[in-house]
Amino acid sequence: MSDTTDAQQACFEAGIKFGSLYHQFAGTPVSPESTRSLETAIEEAIENQPYCESVAVEILDDRVADAIDHDEGYAELTGSLMEVEMRIDYEGTAVRTRMAMEDGYPRMKLVAVED
């Protein structure tokens, strides 16, 4: 028997999804021409995981263009180049989360817990 609440478990599940998203895709080559397809690939991959209701990834074209520092035409994906929102639903408790830059670091945050 677990001593965790459904809200705590939902938050844990959100953390698992963020860890998977960030560490699976960080370093992926991205160019301004490939941002939309990479967003879709990330969203669809993470949505496969249990309890994941939705994922919205926005790779910021202007930041990608600014990050390209060689003649090959791409940058490596980092948290500074994208914003992410997720909704996790565990046993009727939903959590909304967000990742965005804050003080130069990609912060992953719990936005709301909804029973």
PDB file of N, CA and C in Angstrom:
ATOM      1  N   MET A   1       0.840  -1.178   0.000  1.00  0.00           N
ATOM      2  CA  MET A   1       0.000   0.000   0.000  1.00  0.00           C
ATOM      3  C   MET A   1       0.886   1.242   0.000  1.00  0.00           C
ATOM      4  N   SER A   2       0.584   2.157  -0.861  1.00  0.00           N
ATOM      5  CA  SER A   2       1.355   3.383  -0.997  1.00  0.00           C
ATOM      6  C   SER A   2       0.819   4.479  -0.088  1.00  0.00           C
ATOM      7  N   ASP A   3       1.714   5.284   0.448  1.00  0.00           N
ATOM      8  CA  ASP A   3       1.312   6.412   1.279  1.00  0.00           C
ATOM      9  C   ASP A   3       1.228   7.709   0.492  1.00  0.00           C
ATOM     10  N   THR A   4       1.433   7.646  -0.807  1.00  0.00           N
ATOM     11  CA  THR A   4       1.384   8.861  -1.606  1.00  0.00           C
ATOM     12  C   THR A   4      -0.051   9.156  -2.022  1.00  0.00           C
ATOM     13  N   THR A   5      -0.321  10.429  -2.202  1.00  0.00           N
ATOM     14  CA  THR A   5      -1.629  10.847  -2.684  1.00  0.00           C
ATOM     15  C   THR A   5      -1.639  10.787  -4.212  1.00  0.00           C
ATOM     16  N   ASP A   6      -2.820  10.830  -4.796  1.00  0.00           N
ATOM     17  CA  ASP A   6      -2.917  10.862  -6.251  1.00  0.00           C
ATOM     18  C   ASP A   6      -2.239  12.115  -6.806  1.00  0.00           C
ATOM     19  N   ALA A   7      -2.350  13.233  -6.109  1.00  0.00           N
ATOM     20  CA  ALA A   7      -1.704  14.474  -6.558  1.00  0.00           C
ATOM     21  C   ALA A   7      -0.185  14.323  -6.544  1.00  0.00           C
ATOM     22  N   GLN A   8       0.345  13.710  -5.496  1.00  0.00           N
ATOM     23  CA  GLN A   8       1.801  13.494  -5.443  1.00  0.00           C
ATOM     24  C   GLN A   8       2.252  12.566  -6.564  1.00  0.00           C
ATOM     25  N   GLN A   9       1.493  11.515  -6.800  1.00  0.00           N
ATOM     26  CA  GLN A   9       1.859  10.582  -7.864  1.00  0.00           C
ATOM     27  C   GLN A   9       1.774  11.264  -9.233  1.00  0.00           C
ATOM     28  N   ALA A  10       0.765  12.096  -9.433  1.00  0.00           N
ATOM     29  CA  ALA A  10       0.639  12.823 -10.699  1.00  0.00           C
ATOM     30  C   ALA A  10       1.835  13.750 -10.903  1.00  0.00           C
ATOM     31  N   CYS A  11       2.282  14.414  -9.844  1.00  0.00           N
ATOM     32  CA  CYS A  11       3.460  15.287  -9.932  1.00  0.00           C
ATOM     33  C   CYS A  11       4.710  14.473 -10.243  1.00  0.00           C
ATOM     34  N   PHE A  12       4.845  13.319  -9.623  1.00  0.00           N
ATOM     35  CA  PHE A  12       5.969  12.430  -9.905  1.00  0.00           C
ATOM     36  C   PHE A  12       5.960  12.024 -11.377  1.00  0.00           C
ATOM     37  N   GLU A  13       4.784  11.655 -11.882  1.00  0.00           N
ATOM     38  CA  GLU A  13       4.669  11.262 -13.293  1.00  0.00           C
ATOM     39  C   GLU A  13       5.079  12.413 -14.209  1.00  0.00           C
ATOM     40  N   ALA A  14       4.712  13.633 -13.862  1.00  0.00           N
ATOM     41  CA  ALA A  14       5.111  14.795 -14.662  1.00  0.00           C
ATOM     42  C   ALA A  14       6.629  14.931 -14.672  1.00  0.00           C
ATOM     43  N   GLY A  15       7.267  14.725 -13.534  1.00  0.00           N
ATOM     44  CA  GLY A  15       8.732  14.789 -13.471  1.00  0.00           C
ATOM     45  C   GLY A  15       9.389  13.749 -14.354  1.00  0.00           C
ATOM     46  N   ILE A  16       8.836  12.546 -14.370  1.00  0.00           N
ATOM     47  CA  ILE A  16       9.365  11.485 -15.233  1.00  0.00           C
ATOM     48  C   ILE A  16       9.274  11.913 -16.697  1.00  0.00           C
ATOM     49  N   LYS A  17       8.149  12.479 -17.077  1.00  0.00           N
ATOM     50  CA  LYS A  17       7.958  12.897 -18.479  1.00  0.00           C
ATOM     51  C   LYS A  17       8.942  14.000 -18.853  1.00  0.00           C
ATOM     52  N   PHE A  18       9.142  14.978 -17.946  1.00  0.00           N
ATOM     53  CA  PHE A  18      10.092  16.051 -18.239  1.00  0.00           C
ATOM     54  C   PHE A  18      11.511  15.512 -18.357  1.00  0.00           C
ATOM     55  N   GLY A  19      11.896  14.612 -17.469  1.00  0.00           N
ATOM     56  CA  GLY A  19      13.229  14.031 -17.541  1.00  0.00           C
ATOM     57  C   GLY A  19      13.441  13.291 -18.846  1.00  0.00           C
ATOM     58  N   SER A  20      12.448  12.546 -19.250  1.00  0.00           N
ATOM     59  CA  SER A  20      12.529  11.812 -20.506  1.00  0.00           C
ATOM     60  C   SER A  20      12.606  12.772 -21.689  1.00  0.00           C
ATOM     61  N   LEU A  21      11.736  13.749 -21.704  1.00  0.00           N
ATOM     62  CA  LEU A  21      11.704  14.719 -22.803  1.00  0.00           C
ATOM     63  C   LEU A  21      13.042  15.434 -22.927  1.00  0.00           C
ATOM     64  N   TYR A  22      13.510  15.981 -21.827  1.00  0.00           N
ATOM     65  CA  TYR A  22      14.714  16.803 -21.893  1.00  0.00           C
ATOM     66  C   TYR A  22      15.938  15.977 -22.250  1.00  0.00           C
ATOM     67  N   HIS A  23      16.131  14.873 -21.576  1.00  0.00           N
ATOM     68  CA  HIS A  23      17.378  14.135 -21.761  1.00  0.00           C
ATOM     69  C   HIS A  23      17.365  13.227 -22.978  1.00  0.00           C
ATOM     70  N   GLN A  24      16.198  12.920 -23.493  1.00  0.00           N
ATOM     71  CA  GLN A  24      16.135  12.147 -24.729  1.00  0.00           C
ATOM     72  C   GLN A  24      16.416  13.026 -25.942  1.00  0.00           C
ATOM     73  N   PHE A  25      15.944  14.271 -25.920  1.00  0.00           N
ATOM     74  CA  PHE A  25      16.024  15.109 -27.110  1.00  0.00           C
ATOM     75  C   PHE A  25      17.107  16.180 -27.059  1.00  0.00           C
ATOM     76  N   ALA A  26      17.668  16.471 -25.897  1.00  0.00           N
ATOM     77  CA  ALA A  26      18.763  17.452 -25.831  1.00  0.00           C
ATOM     78  C   ALA A  26      19.903  16.970 -26.721  1.00  0.00           C
ATOM     79  N   GLY A  27      20.420  17.863 -27.520  1.00  0.00           N
ATOM     80  CA  GLY A  27      21.504  17.530 -28.438  1.00  0.00           C
ATOM     81  C   GLY A  27      21.042  17.170 -29.835  1.00  0.00           C
ATOM     82  N   THR A  28      19.731  17.028 -30.039  1.00  0.00           N
ATOM     83  CA  THR A  28      19.209  16.716 -31.365  1.00  0.00           C
ATOM     84  C   THR A  28      19.508  17.879 -32.310  1.00  0.00           C
ATOM     85  N   PRO A  29      20.035  17.601 -33.494  1.00  0.00           N
ATOM     86  CA  PRO A  29      20.258  18.679 -34.450  1.00  0.00           C
ATOM     87  C   PRO A  29      18.917  19.316 -34.852  1.00  0.00           C
ATOM     88  N   VAL A  30      18.870  20.644 -34.845  1.00  0.00           N
ATOM     89  CA  VAL A  30      17.645  21.352 -35.206  1.00  0.00           C
ATOM     90  C   VAL A  30      18.010  22.589 -36.017  1.00  0.00           C
ATOM     91  N   SER A  31      17.219  22.837 -37.041  1.00  0.00           N
ATOM     92  CA  SER A  31      17.386  24.034 -37.866  1.00  0.00           C
ATOM     93  C   SER A  31      16.043  24.738 -37.927  1.00  0.00           C
ATOM     94  N   PRO A  32      16.036  25.995 -38.371  1.00  0.00           N
ATOM     95  CA  PRO A  32      14.748  26.678 -38.483  1.00  0.00           C
ATOM     96  C   PRO A  32      13.759  25.921 -39.385  1.00  0.00           C
ATOM     97  N   GLU A  33      14.263  25.156 -40.331  1.00  0.00           N
ATOM     98  CA  GLU A  33      13.396  24.395 -41.238  1.00  0.00           C
ATOM     99  C   GLU A  33      12.845  23.118 -40.601  1.00  0.00           C
ATOM    100  N   SER A  34      13.456  22.632 -39.532  1.00  0.00           N
ATOM    101  CA  SER A  34      13.023  21.355 -38.951  1.00  0.00           C
ATOM    102  C   SER A  34      12.312  21.500 -37.606  1.00  0.00           C
ATOM    103  N   THR A  35      12.078  22.732 -37.153  1.00  0.00           N
ATOM    104  CA  THR A  35      11.505  22.902 -35.814  1.00  0.00           C
ATOM    105  C   THR A  35      10.110  22.291 -35.685  1.00  0.00           C
ATOM    106  N   ARG A  36       9.235  22.491 -36.663  1.00  0.00           N
ATOM    107  CA  ARG A  36       7.865  21.978 -36.549  1.00  0.00           C
ATOM    108  C   ARG A  36       7.850  20.449 -36.487  1.00  0.00           C
ATOM    109  N   SER A  37       8.625  19.798 -37.341  1.00  0.00           N
ATOM    110  CA  SER A  37       8.615  18.334 -37.331  1.00  0.00           C
ATOM    111  C   SER A  37       9.234  17.789 -36.042  1.00  0.00           C
ATOM    112  N   LEU A  38      10.242  18.468 -35.498  1.00  0.00           N
ATOM    113  CA  LEU A  38      10.843  18.025 -34.246  1.00  0.00           C
ATOM    114  C   LEU A  38       9.868  18.233 -33.083  1.00  0.00           C
ATOM    115  N   GLU A  39       9.137  19.344 -33.093  1.00  0.00           N
ATOM    116  CA  GLU A  39       8.106  19.557 -32.065  1.00  0.00           C
ATOM    117  C   GLU A  39       7.118  18.393 -32.048  1.00  0.00           C
ATOM    118  N   THR A  40       6.636  18.029 -33.239  1.00  0.00           N
ATOM    119  CA  THR A  40       5.659  16.939 -33.353  1.00  0.00           C
ATOM    120  C   THR A  40       6.252  15.619 -32.872  1.00  0.00           C
ATOM    121  N   ALA A  41       7.486  15.335 -33.256  1.00  0.00           N
ATOM    122  CA  ALA A  41       8.126  14.088 -32.835  1.00  0.00           C
ATOM    123  C   ALA A  41       8.257  14.011 -31.322  1.00  0.00           C
ATOM    124  N   ILE A  42       8.657  15.105 -30.695  1.00  0.00           N
ATOM    125  CA  ILE A  42       8.807  15.138 -29.235  1.00  0.00           C
ATOM    126  C   ILE A  42       7.443  14.944 -28.576  1.00  0.00           C
ATOM    127  N   GLU A  43       6.455  15.688 -29.023  1.00  0.00           N
ATOM    128  CA  GLU A  43       5.109  15.593 -28.442  1.00  0.00           C
ATOM    129  C   GLU A  43       4.580  14.163 -28.525  1.00  0.00           C
ATOM    130  N   GLU A  44       4.674  13.573 -29.718  1.00  0.00           N
ATOM    131  CA  GLU A  44       4.124  12.233 -29.911  1.00  0.00           C
ATOM    132  C   GLU A  44       4.890  11.184 -29.110  1.00  0.00           C
ATOM    133  N   ALA A  45       6.193  11.341 -28.972  1.00  0.00           N
ATOM    134  CA  ALA A  45       6.981  10.387 -28.192  1.00  0.00           C
ATOM    135  C   ALA A  45       6.603  10.442 -26.720  1.00  0.00           C
ATOM    136  N   ILE A  46       6.493  11.636 -26.162  1.00  0.00           N
ATOM    137  CA  ILE A  46       6.199  11.768 -24.735  1.00  0.00           C
ATOM    138  C   ILE A  46       4.750  11.394 -24.437  1.00  0.00           C
ATOM    139  N   GLU A  47       3.830  11.700 -25.350  1.00  0.00           N
ATOM    140  CA  GLU A  47       2.428  11.351 -25.146  1.00  0.00           C
ATOM    141  C   GLU A  47       2.198   9.843 -25.087  1.00  0.00           C
ATOM    142  N   ASN A  48       3.145   9.040 -25.568  1.00  0.00           N
ATOM    143  CA  ASN A  48       3.032   7.582 -25.471  1.00  0.00           C
ATOM    144  C   ASN A  48       3.125   7.087 -24.038  1.00  0.00           C
ATOM    145  N   GLN A  49       3.699   7.856 -23.152  1.00  0.00           N
ATOM    146  CA  GLN A  49       3.941   7.406 -21.788  1.00  0.00           C
ATOM    147  C   GLN A  49       2.646   7.398 -20.965  1.00  0.00           C
ATOM    148  N   PRO A  50       2.596   6.511 -19.968  1.00  0.00           N
ATOM    149  CA  PRO A  50       1.387   6.411 -19.145  1.00  0.00           C
ATOM    150  C   PRO A  50       1.021   7.740 -18.478  1.00  0.00           C
ATOM    151  N   TYR A  51      -0.282   7.983 -18.406  1.00  0.00           N
ATOM    152  CA  TYR A  51      -0.880   9.129 -17.715  1.00  0.00           C
ATOM    153  C   TYR A  51      -0.650  10.467 -18.409  1.00  0.00           C
ATOM    154  N   CYS A  52       0.021  10.487 -19.531  1.00  0.00           N
ATOM    155  CA  CYS A  52       0.289  11.739 -20.236  1.00  0.00           C
ATOM    156  C   CYS A  52      -0.902  12.067 -21.132  1.00  0.00           C
ATOM    157  N   GLU A  53      -1.600  13.138 -20.792  1.00  0.00           N
ATOM    158  CA  GLU A  53      -2.781  13.551 -21.557  1.00  0.00           C
ATOM    159  C   GLU A  53      -2.414  14.429 -22.748  1.00  0.00           C
ATOM    160  N   SER A  54      -1.469  15.336 -22.556  1.00  0.00           N
ATOM    161  CA  SER A  54      -1.092  16.206 -23.669  1.00  0.00           C
ATOM    162  C   SER A  54       0.291  16.798 -23.429  1.00  0.00           C
ATOM    163  N   VAL A  55       0.953  17.076 -24.540  1.00  0.00           N
ATOM    164  CA  VAL A  55       2.261  17.730 -24.529  1.00  0.00           C
ATOM    165  C   VAL A  55       2.255  18.763 -25.646  1.00  0.00           C
ATOM    166  N   ALA A  56       2.684  19.965 -25.338  1.00  0.00           N
ATOM    167  CA  ALA A  56       2.826  21.019 -26.344  1.00  0.00           C
ATOM    168  C   ALA A  56       4.267  21.528 -26.285  1.00  0.00           C
ATOM    169  N   VAL A  57       4.979  21.350 -27.386  1.00  0.00           N
ATOM    170  CA  VAL A  57       6.367  21.792 -27.481  1.00  0.00           C
ATOM    171  C   VAL A  57       6.435  22.916 -28.495  1.00  0.00           C
ATOM    172  N   GLU A  58       7.070  24.005 -28.104  1.00  0.00           N
ATOM    173  CA  GLU A  58       7.325  25.105 -29.041  1.00  0.00           C
ATOM    174  C   GLU A  58       8.831  25.326 -29.094  1.00  0.00           C
ATOM    175  N   ILE A  59       9.402  25.006 -30.246  1.00  0.00           N
ATOM    176  CA  ILE A  59      10.819  25.301 -30.471  1.00  0.00           C
ATOM    177  C   ILE A  59      10.868  26.689 -31.096  1.00  0.00           C
ATOM    178  N   LEU A  60      11.594  27.573 -30.470  1.00  0.00           N
ATOM    179  CA  LEU A  60      11.571  28.992 -30.830  1.00  0.00           C
ATOM    180  C   LEU A  60      12.535  29.265 -31.981  1.00  0.00           C
ATOM    181  N   ASP A  61      11.959  29.512 -33.152  1.00  0.00           N
ATOM    182  CA  ASP A  61      12.737  29.668 -34.381  1.00  0.00           C
ATOM    183  C   ASP A  61      13.831  30.725 -34.272  1.00  0.00           C
ATOM    184  N   ASP A  62      13.521  31.860 -33.656  1.00  0.00           N
ATOM    185  CA  ASP A  62      14.520  32.918 -33.561  1.00  0.00           C
ATOM    186  C   ASP A  62      15.694  32.492 -32.698  1.00  0.00           C
ATOM    187  N   ARG A  63      15.425  31.764 -31.638  1.00  0.00           N
ATOM    188  CA  ARG A  63      16.516  31.287 -30.781  1.00  0.00           C
ATOM    189  C   ARG A  63      17.343  30.217 -31.489  1.00  0.00           C
ATOM    190  N   VAL A  64      16.680  29.364 -32.264  1.00  0.00           N
ATOM    191  CA  VAL A  64      17.415  28.350 -33.036  1.00  0.00           C
ATOM    192  C   VAL A  64      18.344  29.046 -34.021  1.00  0.00           C
ATOM    193  N   ALA A  65      17.816  30.010 -34.757  1.00  0.00           N
ATOM    194  CA  ALA A  65      18.633  30.733 -35.741  1.00  0.00           C
ATOM    195  C   ALA A  65      19.819  31.413 -35.062  1.00  0.00           C
ATOM    196  N   ASP A  66      19.590  32.018 -33.906  1.00  0.00           N
ATOM    197  CA  ASP A  66      20.678  32.691 -33.185  1.00  0.00           C
ATOM    198  C   ASP A  66      21.719  31.711 -32.644  1.00  0.00           C
ATOM    199  N   ALA A  67      21.301  30.471 -32.378  1.00  0.00           N
ATOM    200  CA  ALA A  67      22.216  29.482 -31.801  1.00  0.00           C
ATOM    201  C   ALA A  67      23.107  28.801 -32.833  1.00  0.00           C
ATOM    202  N   ILE A  68      22.805  28.972 -34.099  1.00  0.00           N
ATOM    203  CA  ILE A  68      23.614  28.340 -35.149  1.00  0.00           C
ATOM    204  C   ILE A  68      24.931  29.102 -35.262  1.00  0.00           C
ATOM    205  N   ASP A  69      26.016  28.407 -34.926  1.00  0.00           N
ATOM    206  CA  ASP A  69      27.318  29.080 -34.882  1.00  0.00           C
ATOM    207  C   ASP A  69      28.358  28.434 -35.800  1.00  0.00           C
ATOM    208  N   HIS A  70      27.886  27.735 -36.828  1.00  0.00           N
ATOM    209  CA  HIS A  70      28.796  27.138 -37.816  1.00  0.00           C
ATOM    210  C   HIS A  70      28.082  27.088 -39.156  1.00  0.00           C
ATOM    211  N   ASP A  71      28.798  26.699 -40.186  1.00  0.00           N
ATOM    212  CA  ASP A  71      28.261  26.734 -41.549  1.00  0.00           C
ATOM    213  C   ASP A  71      27.336  25.569 -41.894  1.00  0.00           C
ATOM    214  N   GLU A  72      27.144  24.631 -40.991  1.00  0.00           N
ATOM    215  CA  GLU A  72      26.336  23.452 -41.298  1.00  0.00           C
ATOM    216  C   GLU A  72      24.830  23.718 -41.217  1.00  0.00           C
ATOM    217  N   GLY A  73      24.422  24.847 -40.642  1.00  0.00           N
ATOM    218  CA  GLY A  73      23.027  25.258 -40.680  1.00  0.00           C
ATOM    219  C   GLY A  73      22.120  24.692 -39.609  1.00  0.00           C
ATOM    220  N   TYR A  74      22.676  24.172 -38.525  1.00  0.00           N
ATOM    221  CA  TYR A  74      21.836  23.674 -37.452  1.00  0.00           C
ATOM    222  C   TYR A  74      22.473  23.968 -36.098  1.00  0.00           C
ATOM    223  N   ALA A  75      21.653  23.864 -35.060  1.00  0.00           N
ATOM    224  CA  ALA A  75      22.119  23.977 -33.681  1.00  0.00           C
ATOM    225  C   ALA A  75      21.739  22.683 -32.973  1.00  0.00           C
ATOM    226  N   GLU A  76      22.257  22.501 -31.784  1.00  0.00           N
ATOM    227  CA  GLU A  76      21.852  21.367 -30.969  1.00  0.00           C
ATOM    228  C   GLU A  76      20.738  21.830 -30.037  1.00  0.00           C
ATOM    229  N   LEU A  77      19.664  21.043 -29.963  1.00  0.00           N
ATOM    230  CA  LEU A  77      18.524  21.411 -29.143  1.00  0.00           C
ATOM    231  C   LEU A  77      18.914  21.454 -27.669  1.00  0.00           C
ATOM    232  N   THR A  78      18.559  22.539 -27.018  1.00  0.00           N
ATOM    233  CA  THR A  78      18.735  22.699 -25.569  1.00  0.00           C
ATOM    234  C   THR A  78      17.445  23.283 -25.002  1.00  0.00           C
ATOM    235  N   GLY A  79      17.349  23.312 -23.700  1.00  0.00           N
ATOM    236  CA  GLY A  79      16.180  23.882 -23.055  1.00  0.00           C
ATOM    237  C   GLY A  79      15.974  25.344 -23.369  1.00  0.00           C
ATOM    238  N   SER A  80      17.047  26.048 -23.685  1.00  0.00           N
ATOM    239  CA  SER A  80      16.920  27.473 -24.000  1.00  0.00           C
ATOM    240  C   SER A  80      16.238  27.727 -25.333  1.00  0.00           C
ATOM    241  N   LEU A  81      16.080  26.694 -26.141  1.00  0.00           N
ATOM    242  CA  LEU A  81      15.483  26.852 -27.470  1.00  0.00           C
ATOM    243  C   LEU A  81      14.019  26.450 -27.518  1.00  0.00           C
ATOM    244  N   MET A  82      13.459  26.009 -26.386  1.00  0.00           N
ATOM    245  CA  MET A  82      12.078  25.529 -26.445  1.00  0.00           C
ATOM    246  C   MET A  82      11.304  25.857 -25.171  1.00  0.00           C
ATOM    247  N   GLU A  83       9.990  25.837 -25.334  1.00  0.00           N
ATOM    248  CA  GLU A  83       9.063  25.949 -24.223  1.00  0.00           C
ATOM    249  C   GLU A  83       8.133  24.749 -24.311  1.00  0.00           C
ATOM    250  N   VAL A  84       7.785  24.195 -23.155  1.00  0.00           N
ATOM    251  CA  VAL A  84       6.998  22.968 -23.118  1.00  0.00           C
ATOM    252  C   VAL A  84       5.886  23.105 -22.081  1.00  0.00           C
ATOM    253  N   GLU A  85       4.713  22.596 -22.422  1.00  0.00           N
ATOM    254  CA  GLU A  85       3.616  22.466 -21.471  1.00  0.00           C
ATOM    255  C   GLU A  85       3.113  21.036 -21.534  1.00  0.00           C
ATOM    256  N   MET A  86       2.799  20.469 -20.363  1.00  0.00           N
ATOM    257  CA  MET A  86       2.267  19.111 -20.309  1.00  0.00           C
ATOM    258  C   MET A  86       1.081  19.052 -19.360  1.00  0.00           C
ATOM    259  N   ARG A  87       0.214  18.093 -19.634  1.00  0.00           N
ATOM    260  CA  ARG A  87      -0.901  17.795 -18.728  1.00  0.00           C
ATOM    261  C   ARG A  87      -0.850  16.305 -18.445  1.00  0.00           C
ATOM    262  N   ILE A  88      -0.753  15.965 -17.188  1.00  0.00           N
ATOM    263  CA  ILE A  88      -0.694  14.587 -16.729  1.00  0.00           C
ATOM    264  C   ILE A  88      -1.968  14.316 -15.939  1.00  0.00           C
ATOM    265  N   ASP A  89      -2.598  13.169 -16.167  1.00  0.00           N
ATOM    266  CA  ASP A  89      -3.800  12.803 -15.425  1.00  0.00           C
ATOM    267  C   ASP A  89      -3.571  11.447 -14.779  1.00  0.00           C
ATOM    268  N   TYR A  90      -3.544  11.443 -13.451  1.00  0.00           N
ATOM    269  CA  TYR A  90      -3.360  10.209 -12.690  1.00  0.00           C
ATOM    270  C   TYR A  90      -4.571   9.988 -11.798  1.00  0.00           C
ATOM    271  N   GLU A  91      -5.349   8.957 -12.124  1.00  0.00           N
ATOM    272  CA  GLU A  91      -6.499   8.571 -11.301  1.00  0.00           C
ATOM    273  C   GLU A  91      -7.443   9.747 -11.023  1.00  0.00           C
ATOM    274  N   GLY A  92      -7.662  10.581 -12.032  1.00  0.00           N
ATOM    275  CA  GLY A  92      -8.591  11.693 -11.886  1.00  0.00           C
ATOM    276  C   GLY A  92      -7.988  12.977 -11.345  1.00  0.00           C
ATOM    277  N   THR A  93      -6.708  12.944 -10.996  1.00  0.00           N
ATOM    278  CA  THR A  93      -6.024  14.169 -10.581  1.00  0.00           C
ATOM    279  C   THR A  93      -5.120  14.603 -11.729  1.00  0.00           C
ATOM    280  N   ALA A  94      -5.336  15.813 -12.198  1.00  0.00           N
ATOM    281  CA  ALA A  94      -4.548  16.327 -13.319  1.00  0.00           C
ATOM    282  C   ALA A  94      -3.531  17.345 -12.811  1.00  0.00           C
ATOM    283  N   VAL A  95      -2.366  17.328 -13.402  1.00  0.00           N
ATOM    284  CA  VAL A  95      -1.377  18.366 -13.121  1.00  0.00           C
ATOM    285  C   VAL A  95      -0.993  19.013 -14.443  1.00  0.00           C
ATOM    286  N   ARG A  96      -0.825  20.314 -14.383  1.00  0.00           N
ATOM    287  CA  ARG A  96      -0.337  21.076 -15.529  1.00  0.00           C
ATOM    288  C   ARG A  96       1.070  21.545 -15.194  1.00  0.00           C
ATOM    289  N   THR A  97       1.964  21.405 -16.157  1.00  0.00           N
ATOM    290  CA  THR A  97       3.361  21.765 -15.960  1.00  0.00           C
ATOM    291  C   THR A  97       3.849  22.607 -17.121  1.00  0.00           C
ATOM    292  N   ARG A  98       4.996  23.244 -16.895  1.00  0.00           N
ATOM    293  CA  ARG A  98       5.561  24.122 -17.931  1.00  0.00           C
ATOM    294  C   ARG A  98       7.072  24.161 -17.772  1.00  0.00           C
ATOM    295  N   MET A  99       7.772  24.214 -18.892  1.00  0.00           N
ATOM    296  CA  MET A  99       9.204  24.459 -18.899  1.00  0.00           C
ATOM    297  C   MET A  99       9.468  25.705 -19.736  1.00  0.00           C
ATOM    298  N   ALA A 100      10.173  26.650 -19.153  1.00  0.00           N
ATOM    299  CA  ALA A 100      10.540  27.879 -19.850  1.00  0.00           C
ATOM    300  C   ALA A 100      11.805  28.432 -19.198  1.00  0.00           C
ATOM    301  N   MET A 101      12.480  29.295 -19.901  1.00  0.00           N
ATOM    302  CA  MET A 101      13.700  29.895 -19.370  1.00  0.00           C
ATOM    303  C   MET A 101      13.372  30.833 -18.220  1.00  0.00           C
ATOM    304  N   GLU A 102      14.162  30.735 -17.169  1.00  0.00           N
ATOM    305  CA  GLU A 102      14.047  31.622 -16.028  1.00  0.00           C
ATOM    306  C   GLU A 102      15.452  31.859 -15.481  1.00  0.00           C
ATOM    307  N   ASP A 103      15.884  33.096 -15.475  1.00  0.00           N
ATOM    308  CA  ASP A 103      17.220  33.442 -14.991  1.00  0.00           C
ATOM    309  C   ASP A 103      18.310  32.635 -15.694  1.00  0.00           C
ATOM    310  N   GLY A 104      18.142  32.454 -17.015  1.00  0.00           N
ATOM    311  CA  GLY A 104      19.153  31.771 -17.811  1.00  0.00           C
ATOM    312  C   GLY A 104      19.153  30.258 -17.704  1.00  0.00           C
ATOM    313  N   TYR A 105      18.105  29.679 -17.119  1.00  0.00           N
ATOM    314  CA  TYR A 105      18.055  28.231 -16.922  1.00  0.00           C
ATOM    315  C   TYR A 105      16.666  27.714 -17.307  1.00  0.00           C
ATOM    316  N   PRO A 106      16.579  26.555 -17.979  1.00  0.00           N
ATOM    317  CA  PRO A 106      15.261  26.020 -18.339  1.00  0.00           C
ATOM    318  C   PRO A 106      14.582  25.387 -17.123  1.00  0.00           C
ATOM    319  N   ARG A 107      13.644  26.133 -16.520  1.00  0.00           N
ATOM    320  CA  ARG A 107      12.948  25.686 -15.309  1.00  0.00           C
ATOM    321  C   ARG A 107      11.721  24.860 -15.673  1.00  0.00           C
ATOM    322  N   MET A 108      11.583  23.715 -15.022  1.00  0.00           N
ATOM    323  CA  MET A 108      10.409  22.870 -15.155  1.00  0.00           C
ATOM    324  C   MET A 108       9.574  23.081 -13.910  1.00  0.00           C
ATOM    325  N   LYS A 109       8.321  23.504 -14.102  1.00  0.00           N
ATOM    326  CA  LYS A 109       7.490  23.901 -12.971  1.00  0.00           C
ATOM    327  C   LYS A 109       6.134  23.228 -12.978  1.00  0.00           C
ATOM    328  N   LEU A 110       5.623  23.035 -11.778  1.00  0.00           N
ATOM    329  CA  LEU A 110       4.258  22.634 -11.585  1.00  0.00           C
ATOM    330  C   LEU A 110       3.421  23.906 -11.640  1.00  0.00           C
ATOM    331  N   VAL A 111       2.453  23.952 -12.560  1.00  0.00           N
ATOM    332  CA  VAL A 111       1.605  25.136 -12.720  1.00  0.00           C
ATOM    333  C   VAL A 111       0.338  25.011 -11.877  1.00  0.00           C
ATOM    334  N   ALA A 112      -0.279  23.814 -11.897  1.00  0.00           N
ATOM    335  CA  ALA A 112      -1.525  23.629 -11.165  1.00  0.00           C
ATOM    336  C   ALA A 112      -1.787  22.147 -10.933  1.00  0.00           C
ATOM    337  N   VAL A 113      -2.473  21.872  -9.829  1.00  0.00           N
ATOM    338  CA  VAL A 113      -2.990  20.540  -9.532  1.00  0.00           C
ATOM    339  C   VAL A 113      -4.498  20.673  -9.523  1.00  0.00           C
ATOM    340  N   GLU A 114      -5.169  19.842 -10.319  1.00  0.00           N
ATOM    341  CA  GLU A 114      -6.617  19.940 -10.467  1.00  0.00           C
ATOM    342  C   GLU A 114      -7.253  18.598 -10.092  1.00  0.00           C
ATOM    343  N   ASP A 115      -8.107  18.606  -9.068  1.00  0.00           N
ATOM    344  CA  ASP A 115      -8.813  17.374  -8.667  1.00  0.00           C
ATOM    345  C   ASP A 115     -10.127  17.239  -9.398  1.00  0.00           C
TER     346      ASP A 115
END
